[in-house]
Amino acid sequence: MKIGTTALVKGPCFANMDILGTVDPKNVYYIMSANFQNFQKRPEFKKIFDVLGDGIFNADFDLWKNQRKIAKTLIIHHTFHNFLVKTSCDMVKKGLVPVLKFMAKEGRVVRYWLPLCRS
């Protein structure tokens, strides 16, 4: 089920749980900042993603706030920004552009998200 930029996704089959995902900026802010305490992870989630430890993806409440502060400090640093720009440009130049050139030469239609999802 999808409403705008928010969707209920059946997923992952090994987890037997559905995931509500959103990319709507207002919803993301509401969930991640304004009302984070109302969206705690359930035990099933923590069990499935235990391999991630107590990092930002598994943390709740005060631990999450601390993780978020640390992540924000790293993300706004100019070195991270430079790395992100270089990595993104390299991925486009070495990955996306050659695929699109080949597909254009062959006269094929490309679903734009497929090349972008490959690492």
C-alpha atoms as a PDB file:
ATOM      1  CA  MET A   1       0.000   0.000   0.000  1.00  0.00           C
ATOM      2  CA  LYS A   2       1.369   3.413  -0.953  1.00  0.00           C
ATOM      3  CA  ILE A   3       0.135   6.884  -0.073  1.00  0.00           C
ATOM      4  CA  GLY A   4       2.207   9.667  -1.614  1.00  0.00           C
ATOM      5  CA  THR A   5       5.803   9.171  -0.529  1.00  0.00           C
ATOM      6  CA  THR A   6       4.965   6.772   2.299  1.00  0.00           C
ATOM      7  CA  ALA A   7       4.472   3.054   1.753  1.00  0.00           C
ATOM      8  CA  LEU A   8       3.808  -0.110   3.724  1.00  0.00           C
ATOM      9  CA  VAL A   9       6.283  -2.694   2.480  1.00  0.00           C
ATOM     10  CA  LYS A  10       6.073  -6.439   3.023  1.00  0.00           C
ATOM     11  CA  GLY A  11       9.393  -7.390   4.060  1.00  0.00           C
ATOM     12  CA  PRO A  12      12.008  -9.166   4.580  1.00  0.00           C
ATOM     13  CA  CYS A  13      10.659 -12.691   4.244  1.00  0.00           C
ATOM     14  CA  PHE A  14      12.978 -14.044   6.960  1.00  0.00           C
ATOM     15  CA  ALA A  15      11.728 -11.441   9.419  1.00  0.00           C
ATOM     16  CA  ASN A  16       7.964 -11.925   9.122  1.00  0.00           C
ATOM     17  CA  MET A  17       7.325  -8.216   9.603  1.00  0.00           C
ATOM     18  CA  ASP A  18       6.147  -5.316   7.501  1.00  0.00           C
ATOM     19  CA  ILE A  19       7.970  -2.007   7.291  1.00  0.00           C
ATOM     20  CA  LEU A  20       6.454   1.433   6.979  1.00  0.00           C
ATOM     21  CA  GLY A  21       8.838   3.559   4.929  1.00  0.00           C
ATOM     22  CA  THR A  22       8.691   7.235   4.066  1.00  0.00           C
ATOM     23  CA  VAL A  23      10.761   9.819   2.258  1.00  0.00           C
ATOM     24  CA  ASP A  24       8.337  12.660   2.922  1.00  0.00           C
ATOM     25  CA  PRO A  25      10.423  15.329   4.722  1.00  0.00           C
ATOM     26  CA  LYS A  26       7.588  16.230   7.111  1.00  0.00           C
ATOM     27  CA  ASN A  27       7.086  12.584   8.093  1.00  0.00           C
ATOM     28  CA  VAL A  28      10.826  11.991   8.480  1.00  0.00           C
ATOM     29  CA  TYR A  29      11.147  15.035  10.742  1.00  0.00           C
ATOM     30  CA  TYR A  30       8.091  13.955  12.752  1.00  0.00           C
ATOM     31  CA  ILE A  31       9.457  10.441  13.270  1.00  0.00           C
ATOM     32  CA  MET A  32      13.174  11.162  13.637  1.00  0.00           C
ATOM     33  CA  SER A  33      13.147  14.436  15.575  1.00  0.00           C
ATOM     34  CA  ALA A  34       9.890  15.788  16.908  1.00  0.00           C
ATOM     35  CA  ASN A  35       8.354  12.541  18.198  1.00  0.00           C
ATOM     36  CA  PHE A  36      11.112   9.949  18.178  1.00  0.00           C
ATOM     37  CA  GLN A  37      10.066   8.628  21.593  1.00  0.00           C
ATOM     38  CA  ASN A  38       6.767   7.446  20.053  1.00  0.00           C
ATOM     39  CA  PHE A  39       8.536   5.227  17.518  1.00  0.00           C
ATOM     40  CA  GLN A  40      10.644   2.856  19.589  1.00  0.00           C
ATOM     41  CA  LYS A  41      11.945  -0.323  18.017  1.00  0.00           C
ATOM     42  CA  ARG A  42      10.110  -3.480  18.952  1.00  0.00           C
ATOM     43  CA  PRO A  43      11.969  -6.540  20.287  1.00  0.00           C
ATOM     44  CA  GLU A  44      11.483  -8.326  16.934  1.00  0.00           C
ATOM     45  CA  PHE A  45      13.294  -5.502  15.135  1.00  0.00           C
ATOM     46  CA  LYS A  46      16.167  -5.513  17.600  1.00  0.00           C
ATOM     47  CA  LYS A  47      16.513  -9.289  17.340  1.00  0.00           C
ATOM     48  CA  ILE A  48      16.650  -9.243  13.531  1.00  0.00           C
ATOM     49  CA  PHE A  49      19.088  -6.346  13.338  1.00  0.00           C
ATOM     50  CA  ASP A  50      21.165  -7.333  16.369  1.00  0.00           C
ATOM     51  CA  VAL A  51      24.189  -7.619  14.088  1.00  0.00           C
ATOM     52  CA  LEU A  52      24.174  -3.795  13.907  1.00  0.00           C
ATOM     53  CA  GLY A  53      24.775  -3.565  17.665  1.00  0.00           C
ATOM     54  CA  ASP A  54      23.651  -0.472  19.570  1.00  0.00           C
ATOM     55  CA  GLY A  55      24.356   1.943  16.707  1.00  0.00           C
ATOM     56  CA  ILE A  56      22.022   4.653  15.495  1.00  0.00           C
ATOM     57  CA  PHE A  57      19.802   2.191  13.587  1.00  0.00           C
ATOM     58  CA  ASN A  58      19.006   0.087  16.655  1.00  0.00           C
ATOM     59  CA  ALA A  59      19.170   2.653  19.422  1.00  0.00           C
ATOM     60  CA  ASP A  60      16.215   4.191  21.240  1.00  0.00           C
ATOM     61  CA  PHE A  61      15.751   7.290  23.388  1.00  0.00           C
ATOM     62  CA  ASP A  62      18.893   8.728  25.040  1.00  0.00           C
ATOM     63  CA  LEU A  63      21.257   6.275  23.331  1.00  0.00           C
ATOM     64  CA  TRP A  64      19.765   7.298  19.977  1.00  0.00           C
ATOM     65  CA  LYS A  65      20.151  11.002  20.811  1.00  0.00           C
ATOM     66  CA  ASN A  66      23.841  10.454  21.587  1.00  0.00           C
ATOM     67  CA  GLN A  67      24.349   8.427  18.388  1.00  0.00           C
ATOM     68  CA  ARG A  68      22.581  11.146  16.396  1.00  0.00           C
ATOM     69  CA  LYS A  69      24.843  13.879  17.818  1.00  0.00           C
ATOM     70  CA  ILE A  70      27.944  11.863  16.912  1.00  0.00           C
ATOM     71  CA  ALA A  71      26.655  11.111  13.398  1.00  0.00           C
ATOM     72  CA  LYS A  72      25.708  14.746  12.818  1.00  0.00           C
ATOM     73  CA  THR A  73      29.189  15.884  13.850  1.00  0.00           C
ATOM     74  CA  LEU A  74      30.753  13.499  11.331  1.00  0.00           C
ATOM     75  CA  ILE A  75      28.325  14.258   8.516  1.00  0.00           C
ATOM     76  CA  ILE A  76      28.737  18.037   8.644  1.00  0.00           C
ATOM     77  CA  HIS A  77      32.548  17.810   8.636  1.00  0.00           C
ATOM     78  CA  HIS A  78      34.119  19.075   5.386  1.00  0.00           C
ATOM     79  CA  THR A  79      36.225  15.922   4.980  1.00  0.00           C
ATOM     80  CA  PHE A  80      33.094  13.772   4.909  1.00  0.00           C
ATOM     81  CA  HIS A  81      31.489  16.153   2.412  1.00  0.00           C
ATOM     82  CA  ASN A  82      34.533  15.954   0.124  1.00  0.00           C
ATOM     83  CA  PHE A  83      34.561  12.154   0.380  1.00  0.00           C
ATOM     84  CA  LEU A  84      30.844  11.989  -0.421  1.00  0.00           C
ATOM     85  CA  VAL A  85      31.190  14.236  -3.476  1.00  0.00           C
ATOM     86  CA  LYS A  86      34.195  12.291  -4.820  1.00  0.00           C
ATOM     87  CA  THR A  87      32.575   8.903  -4.216  1.00  0.00           C
ATOM     88  CA  SER A  88      29.298   9.976  -5.829  1.00  0.00           C
ATOM     89  CA  CYS A  89      31.073  11.422  -8.873  1.00  0.00           C
ATOM     90  CA  ASP A  90      33.176   8.272  -9.254  1.00  0.00           C
ATOM     91  CA  MET A  91      30.071   6.072  -9.074  1.00  0.00           C
ATOM     92  CA  VAL A  92      28.343   8.124 -11.760  1.00  0.00           C
ATOM     93  CA  LYS A  93      31.414   8.305 -14.043  1.00  0.00           C
ATOM     94  CA  LYS A  94      32.517   4.691 -13.659  1.00  0.00           C
ATOM     95  CA  GLY A  95      29.164   2.990 -13.131  1.00  0.00           C
ATOM     96  CA  LEU A  96      26.099   4.865 -14.316  1.00  0.00           C
ATOM     97  CA  VAL A  97      27.460   6.668 -17.387  1.00  0.00           C
ATOM     98  CA  PRO A  98      28.920   3.536 -19.041  1.00  0.00           C
ATOM     99  CA  VAL A  99      25.683   1.617 -18.447  1.00  0.00           C
ATOM    100  CA  LEU A 100      23.552   4.429 -19.879  1.00  0.00           C
ATOM    101  CA  LYS A 101      25.868   4.838 -22.889  1.00  0.00           C
ATOM    102  CA  PHE A 102      25.672   1.122 -23.618  1.00  0.00           C
ATOM    103  CA  MET A 103      21.893   1.049 -23.250  1.00  0.00           C
ATOM    104  CA  ALA A 104      21.507   4.105 -25.509  1.00  0.00           C
ATOM    105  CA  LYS A 105      23.769   2.532 -28.134  1.00  0.00           C
ATOM    106  CA  GLU A 106      21.645  -0.632 -28.019  1.00  0.00           C
ATOM    107  CA  GLY A 107      18.412   1.383 -28.104  1.00  0.00           C
ATOM    108  CA  ARG A 108      17.171  -0.137 -24.850  1.00  0.00           C
ATOM    109  CA  VAL A 109      14.867   1.332 -22.227  1.00  0.00           C
ATOM    110  CA  VAL A 110      16.326   1.653 -18.719  1.00  0.00           C
ATOM    111  CA  ARG A 111      14.469   1.791 -15.435  1.00  0.00           C
ATOM    112  CA  TYR A 112      16.457   4.582 -13.864  1.00  0.00           C
ATOM    113  CA  TRP A 113      16.522   3.133 -10.350  1.00  0.00           C
ATOM    114  CA  LEU A 114      18.148  -0.189 -11.297  1.00  0.00           C
ATOM    115  CA  PRO A 115      21.628   1.159 -12.091  1.00  0.00           C
ATOM    116  CA  LEU A 116      21.519   3.413  -9.044  1.00  0.00           C
ATOM    117  CA  CYS A 117      20.780   0.543  -6.659  1.00  0.00           C
ATOM    118  CA  ARG A 118      23.880  -1.427  -7.612  1.00  0.00           C
ATOM    119  CA  SER A 119      27.011  -1.003  -5.560  1.00  0.00           C
END
